[in-house]
């Protein structure tokens, strides 16, 4: 069964929208992870290594969310 031109076009458009949404999530996550680290350092309750770990965890959560959107 062949797909019509309209079906292919709508699938491509939907995929492009998913990629844009995933990119937006990753960009928001980058700023969120920066804010997380800055807040951690400002509180001065943890070592720099612990703050870096928190930042990495925040970024990883954002990456996973982007993957969920994309795939």
PDB file of N, CA and C in Angstrom:
ATOM      1  N   UNK A   1       0.842  -1.177   0.000  1.00  0.00           N
ATOM      2  CA  UNK A   1       0.000   0.000   0.000  1.00  0.00           C
ATOM      3  C   UNK A   1       0.890   1.243   0.000  1.00  0.00           C
ATOM      4  N   UNK A   2       0.752   2.085  -0.974  1.00  0.00           N
ATOM      5  CA  UNK A   2       1.571   3.279  -1.118  1.00  0.00           C
ATOM      6  C   UNK A   2       0.943   4.444  -0.362  1.00  0.00           C
ATOM      7  N   UNK A   3       1.798   5.283   0.164  1.00  0.00           N
ATOM      8  CA  UNK A   3       1.320   6.481   0.841  1.00  0.00           C
ATOM      9  C   UNK A   3       1.132   7.591  -0.178  1.00  0.00           C
ATOM     10  N   UNK A   4       0.098   8.349  -0.023  1.00  0.00           N
ATOM     11  CA  UNK A   4      -0.132   9.477  -0.913  1.00  0.00           C
ATOM     12  C   UNK A   4       0.799  10.627  -0.560  1.00  0.00           C
ATOM     13  N   UNK A   5       0.927  11.569  -1.453  1.00  0.00           N
ATOM     14  CA  UNK A   5       1.817  12.704  -1.231  1.00  0.00           C
ATOM     15  C   UNK A   5       1.401  13.489   0.015  1.00  0.00           C
ATOM     16  N   UNK A   6       0.108  13.607   0.251  1.00  0.00           N
ATOM     17  CA  UNK A   6      -0.371  14.327   1.430  1.00  0.00           C
ATOM     18  C   UNK A   6       0.007  13.635   2.724  1.00  0.00           C
ATOM     19  N   UNK A   7      -0.032  12.307   2.735  1.00  0.00           N
ATOM     20  CA  UNK A   7       0.327  11.542   3.924  1.00  0.00           C
ATOM     21  C   UNK A   7       1.804  11.695   4.241  1.00  0.00           C
ATOM     22  N   UNK A   8       2.624  11.652   3.211  1.00  0.00           N
ATOM     23  CA  UNK A   8       4.069  11.800   3.411  1.00  0.00           C
ATOM     24  C   UNK A   8       4.375  13.203   3.922  1.00  0.00           C
ATOM     25  N   UNK A   9       3.749  14.197   3.321  1.00  0.00           N
ATOM     26  CA  UNK A   9       3.982  15.585   3.723  1.00  0.00           C
ATOM     27  C   UNK A   9       3.562  15.813   5.172  1.00  0.00           C
ATOM     28  N   UNK A  10       2.421  15.275   5.575  1.00  0.00           N
ATOM     29  CA  UNK A  10       1.972  15.483   6.948  1.00  0.00           C
ATOM     30  C   UNK A  10       2.878  14.746   7.934  1.00  0.00           C
ATOM     31  N   UNK A  11       3.396  13.578   7.544  1.00  0.00           N
ATOM     32  CA  UNK A  11       4.317  12.844   8.408  1.00  0.00           C
ATOM     33  C   UNK A  11       5.617  13.620   8.579  1.00  0.00           C
ATOM     34  N   UNK A  12       6.100  14.199   7.500  1.00  0.00           N
ATOM     35  CA  UNK A  12       7.336  14.988   7.553  1.00  0.00           C
ATOM     36  C   UNK A  12       7.128  16.229   8.417  1.00  0.00           C
ATOM     37  N   UNK A  13       6.007  16.888   8.245  1.00  0.00           N
ATOM     38  CA  UNK A  13       5.704  18.085   9.030  1.00  0.00           C
ATOM     39  C   UNK A  13       5.593  17.747  10.510  1.00  0.00           C
ATOM     40  N   UNK A  14       4.946  16.634  10.817  1.00  0.00           N
ATOM     41  CA  UNK A  14       4.809  16.216  12.209  1.00  0.00           C
ATOM     42  C   UNK A  14       6.173  15.904  12.820  1.00  0.00           C
ATOM     43  N   UNK A  15       7.026  15.228  12.066  1.00  0.00           N
ATOM     44  CA  UNK A  15       8.363  14.898  12.557  1.00  0.00           C
ATOM     45  C   UNK A  15       9.180  16.175  12.791  1.00  0.00           C
ATOM     46  N   UNK A  16       9.073  17.123  11.900  1.00  0.00           N
ATOM     47  CA  UNK A  16       9.790  18.385  12.061  1.00  0.00           C
ATOM     48  C   UNK A  16       9.318  19.108  13.316  1.00  0.00           C
ATOM     49  N   UNK A  17       8.017  19.085  13.562  1.00  0.00           N
ATOM     50  CA  UNK A  17       7.480  19.727  14.764  1.00  0.00           C
ATOM     51  C   UNK A  17       7.996  19.032  16.019  1.00  0.00           C
ATOM     52  N   UNK A  18       8.080  17.717  15.988  1.00  0.00           N
ATOM     53  CA  UNK A  18       8.606  16.974  17.134  1.00  0.00           C
ATOM     54  C   UNK A  18      10.058  17.341  17.390  1.00  0.00           C
ATOM     55  N   UNK A  19      10.849  17.470  16.319  1.00  0.00           N
ATOM     56  CA  UNK A  19      12.256  17.858  16.479  1.00  0.00           C
ATOM     57  C   UNK A  19      12.369  19.256  17.079  1.00  0.00           C
ATOM     58  N   UNK A  20      11.520  20.179  16.602  1.00  0.00           N
ATOM     59  CA  UNK A  20      11.536  21.544  17.155  1.00  0.00           C
ATOM     60  C   UNK A  20      11.150  21.536  18.630  1.00  0.00           C
ATOM     61  N   UNK A  21      10.127  20.783  18.973  1.00  0.00           N
ATOM     62  CA  UNK A  21       9.694  20.702  20.368  1.00  0.00           C
ATOM     63  C   UNK A  21      10.801  20.131  21.246  1.00  0.00           C
ATOM     64  N   UNK A  22      11.461  19.083  20.762  1.00  0.00           N
ATOM     65  CA  UNK A  22      12.551  18.465  21.519  1.00  0.00           C
ATOM     66  C   UNK A  22      13.707  19.447  21.688  1.00  0.00           C
ATOM     67  N   UNK A  23      14.028  20.197  20.631  1.00  0.00           N
ATOM     68  CA  UNK A  23      15.099  21.189  20.710  1.00  0.00           C
ATOM     69  C   UNK A  23      14.754  22.266  21.733  1.00  0.00           C
ATOM     70  N   UNK A  24      13.513  22.718  21.731  1.00  0.00           N
ATOM     71  CA  UNK A  24      13.086  23.741  22.686  1.00  0.00           C
ATOM     72  C   UNK A  24      13.217  23.241  24.122  1.00  0.00           C
ATOM     73  N   UNK A  25      12.872  21.979  24.343  1.00  0.00           N
ATOM     74  CA  UNK A  25      13.003  21.393  25.682  1.00  0.00           C
ATOM     75  C   UNK A  25      14.464  21.377  26.101  1.00  0.00           C
ATOM     76  N   UNK A  26      15.341  20.957  25.188  1.00  0.00           N
ATOM     77  CA  UNK A  26      16.766  20.908  25.523  1.00  0.00           C
ATOM     78  C   UNK A  26      17.316  22.301  25.815  1.00  0.00           C
ATOM     79  N   UNK A  27      16.887  23.301  25.047  1.00  0.00           N
ATOM     80  CA  UNK A  27      17.356  24.671  25.298  1.00  0.00           C
ATOM     81  C   UNK A  27      16.872  25.184  26.650  1.00  0.00           C
ATOM     82  N   UNK A  28      15.624  24.914  26.970  1.00  0.00           N
ATOM     83  CA  UNK A  28      15.097  25.321  28.276  1.00  0.00           C
ATOM     84  C   UNK A  28      15.832  24.603  29.397  1.00  0.00           C
ATOM     85  N   UNK A  29      16.168  23.349  29.147  1.00  0.00           N
ATOM     86  CA  UNK A  29      16.873  22.557  30.154  1.00  0.00           C
ATOM     87  C   UNK A  29      18.256  23.132  30.429  1.00  0.00           C
ATOM     88  N   UNK A  30      18.927  23.594  29.387  1.00  0.00           N
ATOM     89  CA  UNK A  30      20.263  24.183  29.578  1.00  0.00           C
ATOM     90  C   UNK A  30      20.195  25.350  30.556  1.00  0.00           C
ATOM     91  N   UNK A  31      19.239  26.244  30.346  1.00  0.00           N
ATOM     92  CA  UNK A  31      19.113  27.390  31.244  1.00  0.00           C
ATOM     93  C   UNK A  31      18.705  26.926  32.636  1.00  0.00           C
ATOM     94  N   UNK A  32      17.815  25.956  32.693  1.00  0.00           N
ATOM     95  CA  UNK A  32      17.391  25.434  33.993  1.00  0.00           C
ATOM     96  C   UNK A  32      18.538  24.810  34.763  1.00  0.00           C
ATOM     97  N   UNK A  33      19.413  24.122  34.063  1.00  0.00           N
ATOM     98  CA  UNK A  33      20.544  23.496  34.748  1.00  0.00           C
ATOM     99  C   UNK A  33      21.533  24.558  35.228  1.00  0.00           C
ATOM    100  N   UNK A  34      21.694  25.625  34.458  1.00  0.00           N
ATOM    101  CA  UNK A  34      22.550  26.735  34.917  1.00  0.00           C
ATOM    102  C   UNK A  34      21.976  27.353  36.189  1.00  0.00           C
ATOM    103  N   UNK A  35      20.658  27.568  36.164  1.00  0.00           N
ATOM    104  CA  UNK A  35      19.998  28.147  37.332  1.00  0.00           C
ATOM    105  C   UNK A  35      20.132  27.233  38.545  1.00  0.00           C
ATOM    106  N   UNK A  36      20.024  25.923  38.314  1.00  0.00           N
ATOM    107  CA  UNK A  36      20.159  24.951  39.402  1.00  0.00           C
ATOM    108  C   UNK A  36      21.524  25.064  40.042  1.00  0.00           C
ATOM    109  N   UNK A  37      22.560  25.129  39.202  1.00  0.00           N
ATOM    110  CA  UNK A  37      23.928  25.205  39.734  1.00  0.00           C
ATOM    111  C   UNK A  37      24.155  26.530  40.453  1.00  0.00           C
ATOM    112  N   UNK A  38      23.669  27.629  39.878  1.00  0.00           N
ATOM    113  CA  UNK A  38      23.856  28.927  40.514  1.00  0.00           C
ATOM    114  C   UNK A  38      23.164  28.979  41.873  1.00  0.00           C
ATOM    115  N   UNK A  39      21.967  28.424  41.942  1.00  0.00           N
ATOM    116  CA  UNK A  39      21.242  28.400  43.216  1.00  0.00           C
ATOM    117  C   UNK A  39      21.975  27.529  44.232  1.00  0.00           C
ATOM    118  N   UNK A  40      22.513  26.439  43.759  1.00  0.00           N
ATOM    119  CA  UNK A  40      23.261  25.539  44.636  1.00  0.00           C
ATOM    120  C   UNK A  40      24.494  26.246  45.206  1.00  0.00           C
ATOM    121  N   UNK A  41      25.229  26.929  44.312  1.00  0.00           N
ATOM    122  CA  UNK A  41      26.436  27.634  44.746  1.00  0.00           C
ATOM    123  C   UNK A  41      26.080  28.797  45.673  1.00  0.00           C
ATOM    124  N   UNK A  42      24.979  29.482  45.400  1.00  0.00           N
ATOM    125  CA  UNK A  42      24.571  30.617  46.225  1.00  0.00           C
ATOM    126  C   UNK A  42      24.187  30.157  47.627  1.00  0.00           C
ATOM    127  N   UNK A  43      23.549  28.985  47.710  1.00  0.00           N
ATOM    128  CA  UNK A  43      23.158  28.448  49.016  1.00  0.00           C
ATOM    129  C   UNK A  43      24.371  28.017  49.816  1.00  0.00           C
ATOM    130  N   UNK A  44      25.443  27.678  49.100  1.00  0.00           N
ATOM    131  CA  UNK A  44      26.712  27.312  49.723  1.00  0.00           C
ATOM    132  C   UNK A  44      26.566  26.154  50.713  1.00  0.00           C
ATOM    133  N   UNK A  45      25.637  25.267  50.438  1.00  0.00           N
ATOM    134  CA  UNK A  45      25.409  24.126  51.315  1.00  0.00           C
ATOM    135  C   UNK A  45      26.094  22.863  50.807  1.00  0.00           C
ATOM    136  N   UNK A  46      26.534  22.889  49.554  1.00  0.00           N
ATOM    137  CA  UNK A  46      27.130  21.703  48.954  1.00  0.00           C
ATOM    138  C   UNK A  46      28.481  22.059  48.356  1.00  0.00           C
ATOM    139  N   UNK A  47      29.259  21.039  48.101  1.00  0.00           N
ATOM    140  CA  UNK A  47      30.528  21.258  47.421  1.00  0.00           C
ATOM    141  C   UNK A  47      30.271  21.547  45.948  1.00  0.00           C
ATOM    142  N   UNK A  48      31.289  22.044  45.268  1.00  0.00           N
ATOM    143  CA  UNK A  48      31.153  22.322  43.836  1.00  0.00           C
ATOM    144  C   UNK A  48      30.839  21.035  43.083  1.00  0.00           C
ATOM    145  N   UNK A  49      31.441  19.924  43.486  1.00  0.00           N
ATOM    146  CA  UNK A  49      31.182  18.639  42.825  1.00  0.00           C
ATOM    147  C   UNK A  49      29.711  18.240  42.958  1.00  0.00           C
ATOM    148  N   UNK A  50      29.139  18.459  44.114  1.00  0.00           N
ATOM    149  CA  UNK A  50      27.716  18.141  44.309  1.00  0.00           C
ATOM    150  C   UNK A  50      26.830  19.029  43.451  1.00  0.00           C
ATOM    151  N   UNK A  51      27.206  20.282  43.332  1.00  0.00           N
ATOM    152  CA  UNK A  51      26.434  21.199  42.485  1.00  0.00           C
ATOM    153  C   UNK A  51      26.534  20.788  41.023  1.00  0.00           C
ATOM    154  N   UNK A  52      27.730  20.365  40.590  1.00  0.00           N
ATOM    155  CA  UNK A  52      27.892  19.895  39.214  1.00  0.00           C
ATOM    156  C   UNK A  52      27.042  18.661  38.976  1.00  0.00           C
ATOM    157  N   UNK A  53      26.987  17.789  39.968  1.00  0.00           N
ATOM    158  CA  UNK A  53      26.167  16.570  39.848  1.00  0.00           C
ATOM    159  C   UNK A  53      24.690  16.933  39.692  1.00  0.00           C
ATOM    160  N   UNK A  54      24.224  17.894  40.478  1.00  0.00           N
ATOM    161  CA  UNK A  54      22.834  18.346  40.356  1.00  0.00           C
ATOM    162  C   UNK A  54      22.567  18.896  38.962  1.00  0.00           C
ATOM    163  N   UNK A  55      23.531  19.669  38.440  1.00  0.00           N
ATOM    164  CA  UNK A  55      23.382  20.237  37.100  1.00  0.00           C
ATOM    165  C   UNK A  55      23.300  19.120  36.061  1.00  0.00           C
ATOM    166  N   UNK A  56      24.171  18.113  36.180  1.00  0.00           N
ATOM    167  CA  UNK A  56      24.151  16.996  35.237  1.00  0.00           C
ATOM    168  C   UNK A  56      22.827  16.246  35.295  1.00  0.00           C
ATOM    169  N   UNK A  57      22.312  16.028  36.497  1.00  0.00           N
ATOM    170  CA  UNK A  57      21.029  15.332  36.631  1.00  0.00           C
ATOM    171  C   UNK A  57      19.906  16.122  35.963  1.00  0.00           C
ATOM    172  N   UNK A  58      19.908  17.438  36.145  1.00  0.00           N
ATOM    173  CA  UNK A  58      18.888  18.283  35.531  1.00  0.00           C
ATOM    174  C   UNK A  58      18.960  18.188  34.017  1.00  0.00           C
ATOM    175  N   UNK A  59      20.186  18.241  33.468  1.00  0.00           N
ATOM    176  CA  UNK A  59      20.344  18.157  32.017  1.00  0.00           C
ATOM    177  C   UNK A  59      19.904  16.788  31.498  1.00  0.00           C
ATOM    178  N   UNK A  60      20.231  15.735  32.235  1.00  0.00           N
ATOM    179  CA  UNK A  60      19.859  14.386  31.795  1.00  0.00           C
ATOM    180  C   UNK A  60      18.340  14.221  31.768  1.00  0.00           C
ATOM    181  N   UNK A  61      17.661  14.787  32.734  1.00  0.00           N
ATOM    182  CA  UNK A  61      16.196  14.724  32.745  1.00  0.00           C
ATOM    183  C   UNK A  61      15.623  15.438  31.524  1.00  0.00           C
ATOM    184  N   UNK A  62      16.207  16.570  31.167  1.00  0.00           N
ATOM    185  CA  UNK A  62      15.759  17.297  29.990  1.00  0.00           C
ATOM    186  C   UNK A  62      16.012  16.526  28.709  1.00  0.00           C
ATOM    187  N   UNK A  63      17.159  15.860  28.638  1.00  0.00           N
ATOM    188  CA  UNK A  63      17.456  15.050  27.461  1.00  0.00           C
ATOM    189  C   UNK A  63      16.450  13.924  27.310  1.00  0.00           C
ATOM    190  N   UNK A  64      16.106  13.297  28.419  1.00  0.00           N
ATOM    191  CA  UNK A  64      15.142  12.205  28.373  1.00  0.00           C
ATOM    192  C   UNK A  64      13.778  12.701  27.938  1.00  0.00           C
ATOM    193  N   UNK A  65      13.381  13.855  28.422  1.00  0.00           N
ATOM    194  CA  UNK A  65      12.109  14.441  28.013  1.00  0.00           C
ATOM    195  C   UNK A  65      12.110  14.718  26.511  1.00  0.00           C
ATOM    196  N   UNK A  66      13.232  15.240  25.995  1.00  0.00           N
ATOM    197  CA  UNK A  66      13.349  15.513  24.557  1.00  0.00           C
ATOM    198  C   UNK A  66      13.261  14.226  23.760  1.00  0.00           C
ATOM    199  N   UNK A  67      13.899  13.163  24.241  1.00  0.00           N
ATOM    200  CA  UNK A  67      13.818  11.872  23.550  1.00  0.00           C
ATOM    201  C   UNK A  67      12.391  11.358  23.531  1.00  0.00           C
ATOM    202  N   UNK A  68      11.694  11.521  24.646  1.00  0.00           N
ATOM    203  CA  UNK A  68      10.308  11.064  24.708  1.00  0.00           C
ATOM    204  C   UNK A  68       9.436  11.802  23.694  1.00  0.00           C
ATOM    205  N   UNK A  69       9.702  13.072  23.503  1.00  0.00           N
ATOM    206  CA  UNK A  69       8.937  13.861  22.528  1.00  0.00           C
ATOM    207  C   UNK A  69       9.256  13.382  21.114  1.00  0.00           C
ATOM    208  N   UNK A  70      10.541  13.198  20.860  1.00  0.00           N
ATOM    209  CA  UNK A  70      11.000  12.894  19.512  1.00  0.00           C
ATOM    210  C   UNK A  70      10.632  11.490  19.062  1.00  0.00           C
ATOM    211  N   UNK A  71      10.746  10.548  19.944  1.00  0.00           N
ATOM    212  CA  UNK A  71      10.530   9.155  19.548  1.00  0.00           C
ATOM    213  C   UNK A  71       9.282   8.660  20.186  1.00  0.00           C
TER     214      UNK A  71
END
